[in-house]
């Protein structure tokens, strides 16, 4: 196994298994073939052809689209088509900062293959013997990736909330980091990927932050989503990611970006160019 293999995991999907999901003639997502056929049963909401699924042209406002899709999602949930339900809405847009076309139940987002946004924060500690990274183990009761290794702080981006506001909230819930300390997190970029995961097709943008924490800091989970925390030297983190899939797939991608930015992965690595290119979707 290798770091490159972790990057390639975030690129695996079969276009033939999906139909484009269009809003006003523009691509917003990708719907698996069997679900596309089921959506023929909602002609007031979706215009379904053999080649694409389009949101009905009569739904021409954020409110109308959101309400109509919410009704369909509730039916699909009852039928078992949507397997995970979060009671949380995501904004549906192709570009962060643009007005969303609608809001959608978070659990339905991978089924429609629409873009989602989230925050990931590397919790770093500089010790005398080098840089260390806080690693969290996800709760065994999490609906996605239970028991996988994770960032100190990470979370999806809800509708109606700013990125920094969400990061501060997640810092408090997941690691007991007070707001004044969380605000010191430095934004260091954004990563993107498109791949199949057990919950569906993930088309995600991760906004990445670094936060250097004092050596005496001890994370404390408050929302029940973390089993345990570990403070690992970077060499151990790199070895674990390269060896297999102990880390949640997108966390591995974000940490590989950290390796590149901090110089732990250099152009002398024969996979360097492919790894760096694989951290971002093509435009």
Foldseek 3Di string as FASTA:
>chain_A
DFLLVLLVQLAADDLVQWAFEEEPRDGFFTAGDVVLVVCVVPVQAWDGDPHHIYGDPVQQAQVSNQVSQAVVVVVCVVVCVQPDFDPFWFFGDPDPPDHGRYIDTPSCCQNRGGEWEKEAEWEWEQDPVGIKTKKFFWDQPDPPPHRAIGHQFMDTDTPPDDHLRVQQVRCCARFNDHNVQSVQWAFDDKFWGWHADPSHTYTYIYGYTYGYDYPPGGTDHHNNTTDDMDIGHPVVVNCVLTVDRSHPSVRSLNVVVVCVVVVVDDPVPVCVVVSVVSRHDDD
